[in-house]
């Protein structure tokens, strides 16, 4: 999807009632995990994650194909194509370092909200710490629906933001094993939807996931992305 189109849809969608848990559930593990017996919801800790959208030019090969296609397009339409078709929307995700809890899993840059911080401030601070994001050019659009994560006792607040240029990012030693720049188009491609099998505490789970950039995105991160994609018009067909 074109970066400018994605930003417009997000701005419009975040001003309306959010898709909420119904959208998140499209990529929730089956059965849904519950909080441990005796767990007090008063003990839930707030965490903020940054869902950063940025433009990235087409690869050289795809750009050449686009130029070839322009030969079949009227001249007046070519100007519009050149101004938008070379920049596709991408998002930033991280692969957690192996030494961390849930090491190797894909997540949003983010972490615990510190005392005195807003959710937006926490998300931006954590992104700066984890991937060296320069936050000055970043514009926050709004927040998605909070998501409780029973396994960790966190309530994740996804913060949607955009930047007009592809950011220069560096993974933090000991925290981030790899930075993923994932094309929104790849998340929308049905060929990248899979169902995984996972076992935890003797329970077998069916886990809908995205398989992109050589990694599988599942669990809370996939559920957040499900609501994000719903704002872009994703019909929400589950992986088969």
C-alpha atoms as a PDB file:
ATOM      1  CA  UNK A   1       0.000   0.000   0.000  1.00  0.00           C
ATOM      2  CA  UNK A   2       1.112   3.544  -0.754  1.00  0.00           C
ATOM      3  CA  UNK A   3       2.461   5.306   2.342  1.00  0.00           C
ATOM      4  CA  UNK A   4       0.287   8.403   1.950  1.00  0.00           C
ATOM      5  CA  UNK A   5      -2.844   6.273   1.531  1.00  0.00           C
ATOM      6  CA  UNK A   6      -2.044   4.316   4.688  1.00  0.00           C
ATOM      7  CA  UNK A   7      -1.557   7.511   6.701  1.00  0.00           C
ATOM      8  CA  UNK A   8      -4.878   8.906   5.454  1.00  0.00           C
ATOM      9  CA  UNK A   9      -6.746   5.722   6.377  1.00  0.00           C
ATOM     10  CA  UNK A  10      -5.132   5.573   9.795  1.00  0.00           C
ATOM     11  CA  UNK A  11      -5.953   9.196  10.565  1.00  0.00           C
ATOM     12  CA  UNK A  12      -9.556   8.609   9.577  1.00  0.00           C
ATOM     13  CA  UNK A  13      -9.863   5.290  11.404  1.00  0.00           C
ATOM     14  CA  UNK A  14      -8.314   6.521  14.646  1.00  0.00           C
ATOM     15  CA  UNK A  15     -10.900   9.310  14.856  1.00  0.00           C
ATOM     16  CA  UNK A  16     -13.695   6.740  14.843  1.00  0.00           C
ATOM     17  CA  UNK A  17     -14.671   3.891  17.118  1.00  0.00           C
ATOM     18  CA  UNK A  18     -11.883   1.327  16.965  1.00  0.00           C
ATOM     19  CA  UNK A  19     -12.422  -2.243  15.704  1.00  0.00           C
ATOM     20  CA  UNK A  20     -11.303  -3.374  19.164  1.00  0.00           C
ATOM     21  CA  UNK A  21     -11.240  -6.911  20.577  1.00  0.00           C
ATOM     22  CA  UNK A  22     -13.250  -8.290  17.656  1.00  0.00           C
ATOM     23  CA  UNK A  23     -10.407  -7.423  15.293  1.00  0.00           C
ATOM     24  CA  UNK A  24      -7.712  -8.578  17.726  1.00  0.00           C
ATOM     25  CA  UNK A  25      -9.438 -11.949  18.081  1.00  0.00           C
ATOM     26  CA  UNK A  26      -8.916 -12.692  14.389  1.00  0.00           C
ATOM     27  CA  UNK A  27      -5.302 -13.583  15.144  1.00  0.00           C
ATOM     28  CA  UNK A  28      -5.661 -14.769  18.734  1.00  0.00           C
ATOM     29  CA  UNK A  29      -4.370 -18.209  19.722  1.00  0.00           C
ATOM     30  CA  UNK A  30      -7.060 -20.902  20.011  1.00  0.00           C
ATOM     31  CA  UNK A  31      -8.003 -21.501  22.780  1.00  0.00           C
ATOM     32  CA  UNK A  32      -7.405 -18.038  24.258  1.00  0.00           C
ATOM     33  CA  UNK A  33      -5.042 -18.038  27.191  1.00  0.00           C
ATOM     34  CA  UNK A  34      -6.479 -16.893  30.508  1.00  0.00           C
ATOM     35  CA  UNK A  35      -4.831 -15.193  33.455  1.00  0.00           C
ATOM     36  CA  UNK A  36      -3.435 -17.621  36.068  1.00  0.00           C
ATOM     37  CA  UNK A  37      -5.739 -18.633  38.894  1.00  0.00           C
ATOM     38  CA  UNK A  38      -5.686 -16.052  41.657  1.00  0.00           C
ATOM     39  CA  UNK A  39      -4.225 -13.337  39.452  1.00  0.00           C
ATOM     40  CA  UNK A  40      -5.389  -9.856  40.448  1.00  0.00           C
ATOM     41  CA  UNK A  41      -6.116  -7.469  37.582  1.00  0.00           C
ATOM     42  CA  UNK A  42      -5.102  -4.671  39.937  1.00  0.00           C
ATOM     43  CA  UNK A  43      -1.543  -5.976  39.484  1.00  0.00           C
ATOM     44  CA  UNK A  44      -1.533  -5.543  35.708  1.00  0.00           C
ATOM     45  CA  UNK A  45       1.359  -3.337  34.594  1.00  0.00           C
ATOM     46  CA  UNK A  46       0.977  -0.878  31.737  1.00  0.00           C
ATOM     47  CA  UNK A  47       3.317  -1.154  28.785  1.00  0.00           C
ATOM     48  CA  UNK A  48       3.444   0.893  25.598  1.00  0.00           C
ATOM     49  CA  UNK A  49       4.547  -0.274  22.159  1.00  0.00           C
ATOM     50  CA  UNK A  50       5.273   1.898  19.130  1.00  0.00           C
ATOM     51  CA  UNK A  51       3.704   0.891  15.830  1.00  0.00           C
ATOM     52  CA  UNK A  52       5.718   3.139  13.533  1.00  0.00           C
ATOM     53  CA  UNK A  53       4.732   3.505   9.873  1.00  0.00           C
ATOM     54  CA  UNK A  54       7.255   4.880   7.398  1.00  0.00           C
ATOM     55  CA  UNK A  55       7.775   5.081   3.614  1.00  0.00           C
ATOM     56  CA  UNK A  56      10.295   2.931   1.834  1.00  0.00           C
ATOM     57  CA  UNK A  57      11.087   3.101  -1.892  1.00  0.00           C
ATOM     58  CA  UNK A  58      10.529   0.157  -4.171  1.00  0.00           C
ATOM     59  CA  UNK A  59      13.502  -2.106  -4.796  1.00  0.00           C
ATOM     60  CA  UNK A  60      15.471  -1.459  -7.965  1.00  0.00           C
ATOM     61  CA  UNK A  61      13.861  -4.445  -9.682  1.00  0.00           C
ATOM     62  CA  UNK A  62      10.331  -3.387  -8.794  1.00  0.00           C
ATOM     63  CA  UNK A  63      11.079   0.200  -9.756  1.00  0.00           C
ATOM     64  CA  UNK A  64      12.196  -0.973 -13.211  1.00  0.00           C
ATOM     65  CA  UNK A  65       8.973  -2.934 -13.586  1.00  0.00           C
ATOM     66  CA  UNK A  66       6.973   0.124 -12.580  1.00  0.00           C
ATOM     67  CA  UNK A  67       8.787   2.262 -15.153  1.00  0.00           C
ATOM     68  CA  UNK A  68       8.063  -0.328 -17.825  1.00  0.00           C
ATOM     69  CA  UNK A  69       4.392  -0.317 -16.870  1.00  0.00           C
ATOM     70  CA  UNK A  70       4.259   3.467 -17.287  1.00  0.00           C
ATOM     71  CA  UNK A  71       4.545   2.996 -21.050  1.00  0.00           C
ATOM     72  CA  UNK A  72       0.924   1.794 -20.991  1.00  0.00           C
ATOM     73  CA  UNK A  73      -0.272   4.680 -18.812  1.00  0.00           C
ATOM     74  CA  UNK A  74      -1.443   8.055 -20.198  1.00  0.00           C
ATOM     75  CA  UNK A  75       1.070  10.877 -19.673  1.00  0.00           C
ATOM     76  CA  UNK A  76      -1.169  12.851 -17.303  1.00  0.00           C
ATOM     77  CA  UNK A  77      -1.476   9.817 -15.014  1.00  0.00           C
ATOM     78  CA  UNK A  78       2.266   9.147 -15.030  1.00  0.00           C
ATOM     79  CA  UNK A  79       3.012  12.289 -12.990  1.00  0.00           C
ATOM     80  CA  UNK A  80       0.759  11.032 -10.199  1.00  0.00           C
ATOM     81  CA  UNK A  81       2.259   7.547 -10.383  1.00  0.00           C
ATOM     82  CA  UNK A  82       5.820   8.848 -10.047  1.00  0.00           C
ATOM     83  CA  UNK A  83       4.912  10.983  -7.050  1.00  0.00           C
ATOM     84  CA  UNK A  84       3.467   8.114  -5.016  1.00  0.00           C
ATOM     85  CA  UNK A  85       4.235   4.672  -6.437  1.00  0.00           C
ATOM     86  CA  UNK A  86       7.878   4.541  -5.281  1.00  0.00           C
ATOM     87  CA  UNK A  87       7.063   4.725  -1.575  1.00  0.00           C
ATOM     88  CA  UNK A  88       5.335   1.807   0.094  1.00  0.00           C
ATOM     89  CA  UNK A  89       4.228   1.752   3.726  1.00  0.00           C
ATOM     90  CA  UNK A  90       6.347  -0.294   6.137  1.00  0.00           C
ATOM     91  CA  UNK A  91       6.328  -0.821   9.892  1.00  0.00           C
ATOM     92  CA  UNK A  92       9.102  -1.411  12.418  1.00  0.00           C
ATOM     93  CA  UNK A  93       9.183  -4.614  14.465  1.00  0.00           C
ATOM     94  CA  UNK A  94      11.929  -6.176  16.560  1.00  0.00           C
ATOM     95  CA  UNK A  95      13.161  -9.675  17.269  1.00  0.00           C
ATOM     96  CA  UNK A  96      13.821 -10.002  20.978  1.00  0.00           C
ATOM     97  CA  UNK A  97      17.330 -10.995  22.031  1.00  0.00           C
ATOM     98  CA  UNK A  98      17.679 -14.654  23.039  1.00  0.00           C
ATOM     99  CA  UNK A  99      18.701 -13.774  26.589  1.00  0.00           C
ATOM    100  CA  UNK A 100      15.399 -11.985  27.265  1.00  0.00           C
ATOM    101  CA  UNK A 101      12.123 -13.528  28.339  1.00  0.00           C
ATOM    102  CA  UNK A 102      10.330 -14.673  25.172  1.00  0.00           C
ATOM    103  CA  UNK A 103      13.630 -14.418  23.314  1.00  0.00           C
ATOM    104  CA  UNK A 104      13.418 -14.780  19.552  1.00  0.00           C
ATOM    105  CA  UNK A 105       9.824 -13.587  19.376  1.00  0.00           C
ATOM    106  CA  UNK A 106       8.761 -10.644  17.255  1.00  0.00           C
ATOM    107  CA  UNK A 107       7.337  -7.608  19.009  1.00  0.00           C
ATOM    108  CA  UNK A 108       6.746  -3.889  18.774  1.00  0.00           C
ATOM    109  CA  UNK A 109       9.503  -1.696  20.181  1.00  0.00           C
ATOM    110  CA  UNK A 110       8.209  -0.932  23.659  1.00  0.00           C
ATOM    111  CA  UNK A 111       8.235  -1.578  27.365  1.00  0.00           C
ATOM    112  CA  UNK A 112       6.949  -0.592  30.787  1.00  0.00           C
ATOM    113  CA  UNK A 113       5.395   2.828  31.280  1.00  0.00           C
ATOM    114  CA  UNK A 114       7.435   4.640  33.916  1.00  0.00           C
ATOM    115  CA  UNK A 115       6.004   6.844  36.645  1.00  0.00           C
ATOM    116  CA  UNK A 116       5.007  10.272  35.319  1.00  0.00           C
ATOM    117  CA  UNK A 117       5.092   9.212  31.658  1.00  0.00           C
ATOM    118  CA  UNK A 118       2.215   9.293  29.206  1.00  0.00           C
ATOM    119  CA  UNK A 119       1.687   6.242  27.029  1.00  0.00           C
ATOM    120  CA  UNK A 120       2.992   8.157  24.018  1.00  0.00           C
ATOM    121  CA  UNK A 121       6.129   9.256  25.856  1.00  0.00           C
ATOM    122  CA  UNK A 122       6.819   5.708  26.999  1.00  0.00           C
ATOM    123  CA  UNK A 123       6.420   4.260  23.508  1.00  0.00           C
ATOM    124  CA  UNK A 124       8.763   6.843  21.981  1.00  0.00           C
ATOM    125  CA  UNK A 125      11.347   6.484  24.757  1.00  0.00           C
ATOM    126  CA  UNK A 126      11.389   2.699  24.450  1.00  0.00           C
ATOM    127  CA  UNK A 127      11.743   2.892  20.657  1.00  0.00           C
ATOM    128  CA  UNK A 128      14.678   5.256  21.077  1.00  0.00           C
ATOM    129  CA  UNK A 129      16.307   2.918  23.599  1.00  0.00           C
ATOM    130  CA  UNK A 130      15.687  -0.301  21.662  1.00  0.00           C
ATOM    131  CA  UNK A 131      16.283   0.736  18.045  1.00  0.00           C
ATOM    132  CA  UNK A 132      17.850   4.237  18.342  1.00  0.00           C
ATOM    133  CA  UNK A 133      14.826   5.878  16.755  1.00  0.00           C
ATOM    134  CA  UNK A 134      15.174   9.644  16.480  1.00  0.00           C
ATOM    135  CA  UNK A 135      11.818  10.755  17.824  1.00  0.00           C
ATOM    136  CA  UNK A 136      11.791  14.406  16.730  1.00  0.00           C
ATOM    137  CA  UNK A 137      10.412  13.665  13.209  1.00  0.00           C
ATOM    138  CA  UNK A 138       7.823  11.187  14.546  1.00  0.00           C
ATOM    139  CA  UNK A 139       4.162  12.204  14.622  1.00  0.00           C
ATOM    140  CA  UNK A 140       1.804  10.259  16.885  1.00  0.00           C
ATOM    141  CA  UNK A 141      -1.584   9.547  15.275  1.00  0.00           C
ATOM    142  CA  UNK A 142      -3.318   7.832  18.169  1.00  0.00           C
ATOM    143  CA  UNK A 143      -3.682   4.607  20.106  1.00  0.00           C
ATOM    144  CA  UNK A 144      -5.142   1.223  19.271  1.00  0.00           C
ATOM    145  CA  UNK A 145      -7.175  -0.837  21.741  1.00  0.00           C
ATOM    146  CA  UNK A 146      -5.198  -1.941  24.830  1.00  0.00           C
ATOM    147  CA  UNK A 147      -4.483  -5.664  24.965  1.00  0.00           C
ATOM    148  CA  UNK A 148      -4.013  -7.689  28.152  1.00  0.00           C
ATOM    149  CA  UNK A 149      -1.265 -10.304  27.945  1.00  0.00           C
ATOM    150  CA  UNK A 150      -1.946 -13.031  30.540  1.00  0.00           C
ATOM    151  CA  UNK A 151       1.431 -14.738  30.252  1.00  0.00           C
ATOM    152  CA  UNK A 152       3.344 -11.611  31.298  1.00  0.00           C
ATOM    153  CA  UNK A 153       0.799  -9.630  33.309  1.00  0.00           C
ATOM    154  CA  UNK A 154       1.082  -6.574  31.055  1.00  0.00           C
ATOM    155  CA  UNK A 155      -1.565  -4.405  29.460  1.00  0.00           C
ATOM    156  CA  UNK A 156      -0.095  -3.379  26.115  1.00  0.00           C
ATOM    157  CA  UNK A 157      -1.061   0.033  24.746  1.00  0.00           C
ATOM    158  CA  UNK A 158      -0.149   0.176  21.018  1.00  0.00           C
ATOM    159  CA  UNK A 159       0.703   3.725  19.906  1.00  0.00           C
ATOM    160  CA  UNK A 160       0.451   4.392  16.156  1.00  0.00           C
ATOM    161  CA  UNK A 161       2.869   6.929  14.728  1.00  0.00           C
ATOM    162  CA  UNK A 162       4.347   7.940  11.381  1.00  0.00           C
ATOM    163  CA  UNK A 163       7.530   9.456  10.077  1.00  0.00           C
ATOM    164  CA  UNK A 164       7.961  10.891   6.603  1.00  0.00           C
ATOM    165  CA  UNK A 165      11.357   9.287   5.940  1.00  0.00           C
ATOM    166  CA  UNK A 166      12.816   5.832   6.341  1.00  0.00           C
ATOM    167  CA  UNK A 167      14.489   5.932   9.768  1.00  0.00           C
ATOM    168  CA  UNK A 168      18.064   4.889  10.440  1.00  0.00           C
ATOM    169  CA  UNK A 169      17.833   2.283  13.167  1.00  0.00           C
ATOM    170  CA  UNK A 170      20.330   0.352  15.288  1.00  0.00           C
ATOM    171  CA  UNK A 171      19.437  -2.610  17.551  1.00  0.00           C
ATOM    172  CA  UNK A 172      20.263  -2.222  21.235  1.00  0.00           C
ATOM    173  CA  UNK A 173      22.814  -4.780  22.419  1.00  0.00           C
ATOM    174  CA  UNK A 174      21.298  -7.394  24.684  1.00  0.00           C
ATOM    175  CA  UNK A 175      17.727  -6.347  23.902  1.00  0.00           C
ATOM    176  CA  UNK A 176      17.144  -6.577  20.165  1.00  0.00           C
ATOM    177  CA  UNK A 177      18.534  -9.367  17.991  1.00  0.00           C
ATOM    178  CA  UNK A 178      17.185  -7.970  14.728  1.00  0.00           C
ATOM    179  CA  UNK A 179      15.136  -5.058  13.392  1.00  0.00           C
ATOM    180  CA  UNK A 180      12.454  -5.934  10.867  1.00  0.00           C
ATOM    181  CA  UNK A 181      11.130  -3.448   8.319  1.00  0.00           C
ATOM    182  CA  UNK A 182       7.921  -5.148   7.255  1.00  0.00           C
ATOM    183  CA  UNK A 183       5.928  -4.027   4.226  1.00  0.00           C
ATOM    184  CA  UNK A 184       2.232  -3.527   4.961  1.00  0.00           C
ATOM    185  CA  UNK A 185       1.564  -5.264   1.651  1.00  0.00           C
ATOM    186  CA  UNK A 186       3.288  -8.389   2.979  1.00  0.00           C
ATOM    187  CA  UNK A 187       1.004  -8.431   6.025  1.00  0.00           C
ATOM    188  CA  UNK A 188      -2.024  -8.153   3.741  1.00  0.00           C
ATOM    189  CA  UNK A 189      -0.857 -10.954   1.421  1.00  0.00           C
ATOM    190  CA  UNK A 190      -2.899 -14.131   2.141  1.00  0.00           C
ATOM    191  CA  UNK A 191       0.128 -16.209   1.142  1.00  0.00           C
ATOM    192  CA  UNK A 192       1.865 -15.001   4.307  1.00  0.00           C
ATOM    193  CA  UNK A 193      -0.870 -16.212   6.693  1.00  0.00           C
ATOM    194  CA  UNK A 194      -0.166 -19.468   8.487  1.00  0.00           C
ATOM    195  CA  UNK A 195      -1.461 -21.541  11.387  1.00  0.00           C
ATOM    196  CA  UNK A 196       1.138 -22.736  13.860  1.00  0.00           C
ATOM    197  CA  UNK A 197       0.945 -25.404  16.541  1.00  0.00           C
ATOM    198  CA  UNK A 198       2.209 -24.451  19.981  1.00  0.00           C
ATOM    199  CA  UNK A 199       2.188 -26.291  23.324  1.00  0.00           C
ATOM    200  CA  UNK A 200       2.290 -24.593  26.712  1.00  0.00           C
ATOM    201  CA  UNK A 201       1.776 -26.180  30.112  1.00  0.00           C
ATOM    202  CA  UNK A 202       0.380 -29.290  28.465  1.00  0.00           C
ATOM    203  CA  UNK A 203      -2.179 -27.385  26.379  1.00  0.00           C
ATOM    204  CA  UNK A 204      -2.064 -27.478  22.571  1.00  0.00           C
ATOM    205  CA  UNK A 205      -2.775 -24.201  20.793  1.00  0.00           C
ATOM    206  CA  UNK A 206      -3.584 -23.306  17.203  1.00  0.00           C
ATOM    207  CA  UNK A 207      -1.860 -19.986  16.572  1.00  0.00           C
ATOM    208  CA  UNK A 208      -2.685 -17.772  13.566  1.00  0.00           C
ATOM    209  CA  UNK A 209       0.421 -15.908  12.416  1.00  0.00           C
ATOM    210  CA  UNK A 210       2.134 -13.900   9.723  1.00  0.00           C
ATOM    211  CA  UNK A 211       5.255 -15.425   8.152  1.00  0.00           C
ATOM    212  CA  UNK A 212       7.310 -12.522   6.807  1.00  0.00           C
ATOM    213  CA  UNK A 213      10.953 -11.435   6.704  1.00  0.00           C
ATOM    214  CA  UNK A 214      11.997 -14.946   7.678  1.00  0.00           C
ATOM    215  CA  UNK A 215      10.095 -14.804  10.985  1.00  0.00           C
ATOM    216  CA  UNK A 216       6.708 -15.780  12.369  1.00  0.00           C
ATOM    217  CA  UNK A 217       4.654 -13.039  14.010  1.00  0.00           C
ATOM    218  CA  UNK A 218       2.090 -14.407  16.433  1.00  0.00           C
ATOM    219  CA  UNK A 219       0.517 -13.846  19.827  1.00  0.00           C
ATOM    220  CA  UNK A 220       0.007 -10.321  21.139  1.00  0.00           C
ATOM    221  CA  UNK A 221       1.966  -8.717  18.290  1.00  0.00           C
ATOM    222  CA  UNK A 222      -0.177 -10.418  15.649  1.00  0.00           C
ATOM    223  CA  UNK A 223      -3.345  -9.408  17.514  1.00  0.00           C
ATOM    224  CA  UNK A 224      -2.243  -5.761  17.561  1.00  0.00           C
ATOM    225  CA  UNK A 225      -1.469  -5.944  13.848  1.00  0.00           C
ATOM    226  CA  UNK A 226      -4.903  -7.427  13.187  1.00  0.00           C
ATOM    227  CA  UNK A 227      -6.573  -4.274  14.516  1.00  0.00           C
ATOM    228  CA  UNK A 228      -4.052  -2.065  12.694  1.00  0.00           C
ATOM    229  CA  UNK A 229      -4.820  -3.815   9.408  1.00  0.00           C
ATOM    230  CA  UNK A 230      -8.567  -3.590  10.070  1.00  0.00           C
ATOM    231  CA  UNK A 231      -8.197   0.203   9.994  1.00  0.00           C
ATOM    232  CA  UNK A 232      -6.729  -0.200   6.520  1.00  0.00           C
ATOM    233  CA  UNK A 233      -9.683  -2.241   5.301  1.00  0.00           C
ATOM    234  CA  UNK A 234      -8.377  -5.765   5.891  1.00  0.00           C
ATOM    235  CA  UNK A 235     -11.393  -8.092   5.836  1.00  0.00           C
ATOM    236  CA  UNK A 236      -9.875 -10.259   8.532  1.00  0.00           C
ATOM    237  CA  UNK A 237      -9.885 -13.653   6.894  1.00  0.00           C
ATOM    238  CA  UNK A 238      -8.083 -16.029   9.216  1.00  0.00           C
ATOM    239  CA  UNK A 239      -5.161 -18.112   7.963  1.00  0.00           C
ATOM    240  CA  UNK A 240      -6.221 -21.459   6.572  1.00  0.00           C
END
